[in-house]
Amino acid sequence: MNIFYLLVLTLVVLIAIAGVEETSKLIYYLDLQLRYLIIKIRMWFFKMKLKKQLNLPPRNWENQPKNKK
């Protein structure tokens, strides 16, 4: 319950210092960052699943021929 009071107090202080508009922009930014983090985690799991399903051998990038133009 203390965390709830701390969040409410932080929100009130942010509104008092920066105003309603800037506080809502900050909350929107934090929401976007959280959604992006969730997408990145899902992409990592999808990558691991594809690696497991395809079962490709690892590439040796040092022995690859270089393209000369």
Protein backbone atom coordinates (compact mmCIF):
# COMPACT_ATOMS: atom_id res chain seq x y z
CA MET A 1 0.00 0.00 0.00
CA ASN A 2 2.96 2.29 0.59
CA ILE A 3 3.95 2.04 -3.06
CA PHE A 4 0.51 3.29 -4.08
CA TYR A 5 0.87 6.35 -1.84
CA LEU A 6 4.36 6.97 -3.19
CA LEU A 7 3.08 6.84 -6.78
CA VAL A 8 0.23 9.23 -6.01
CA LEU A 9 2.60 11.60 -4.22
CA THR A 10 5.02 11.49 -7.16
CA LEU A 11 2.20 12.21 -9.60
CA VAL A 12 0.98 15.17 -7.53
CA VAL A 13 4.51 16.59 -7.29
CA LEU A 14 5.04 16.21 -11.05
CA ILE A 15 1.75 17.98 -11.76
CA ALA A 16 2.65 20.76 -9.31
CA ILE A 17 6.12 21.29 -10.83
CA ALA A 18 5.62 20.68 -14.55
CA GLY A 19 1.88 20.97 -15.06
CA VAL A 20 -0.75 18.59 -16.33
CA GLU A 21 0.30 18.71 -19.99
CA GLU A 22 3.97 17.86 -19.39
CA THR A 23 3.09 15.15 -16.86
CA SER A 24 0.75 13.49 -19.34
CA LYS A 25 3.51 13.61 -21.99
CA LEU A 26 5.91 11.93 -19.54
CA ILE A 27 3.39 9.20 -18.73
CA TYR A 28 2.75 8.65 -22.44
CA TYR A 29 6.50 8.37 -23.07
CA LEU A 30 6.90 5.82 -20.27
CA ASP A 31 3.98 3.83 -21.67
CA LEU A 32 5.60 3.74 -25.13
CA GLN A 33 8.93 2.64 -23.68
CA LEU A 34 7.24 -0.18 -21.76
CA ARG A 35 5.39 -1.35 -24.88
CA TYR A 36 8.62 -1.25 -26.90
CA LEU A 37 10.41 -3.32 -24.23
CA ILE A 38 7.64 -5.94 -24.38
CA ILE A 39 7.95 -6.10 -28.17
CA LYS A 40 11.74 -6.50 -27.95
CA ILE A 41 11.37 -9.36 -25.47
CA ARG A 42 8.81 -11.10 -27.70
CA MET A 43 11.13 -10.67 -30.69
CA TRP A 44 13.99 -12.27 -28.74
CA PHE A 45 11.83 -15.29 -27.89
CA PHE A 46 10.73 -15.52 -31.53
CA LYS A 47 14.38 -15.40 -32.62
CA MET A 48 15.29 -18.23 -30.24
CA LYS A 49 12.33 -20.28 -31.48
CA LEU A 50 13.39 -19.78 -35.12
CA LYS A 51 16.98 -20.73 -34.35
CA LYS A 52 15.77 -23.89 -32.68
CA GLN A 53 13.40 -24.80 -35.52
CA LEU A 54 15.82 -24.06 -38.36
CA ASN A 55 18.81 -25.61 -36.64
CA LEU A 56 21.31 -23.88 -38.94
CA PRO A 57 25.03 -24.18 -38.32
CA PRO A 58 26.74 -21.00 -37.14
CA ARG A 59 28.41 -18.86 -39.80
CA ASN A 60 32.09 -18.19 -39.85
CA TRP A 61 32.25 -14.56 -40.96
CA GLU A 62 36.05 -14.46 -41.19
CA ASN A 63 36.23 -16.92 -44.10
CA GLN A 64 33.49 -15.27 -46.18
CA PRO A 65 34.64 -13.89 -49.55
CA LYS A 66 34.52 -10.12 -49.73
CA ASN A 67 32.59 -8.44 -52.51
CA LYS A 68 34.86 -6.37 -54.72
CA LYS A 69 33.33 -3.71 -56.92
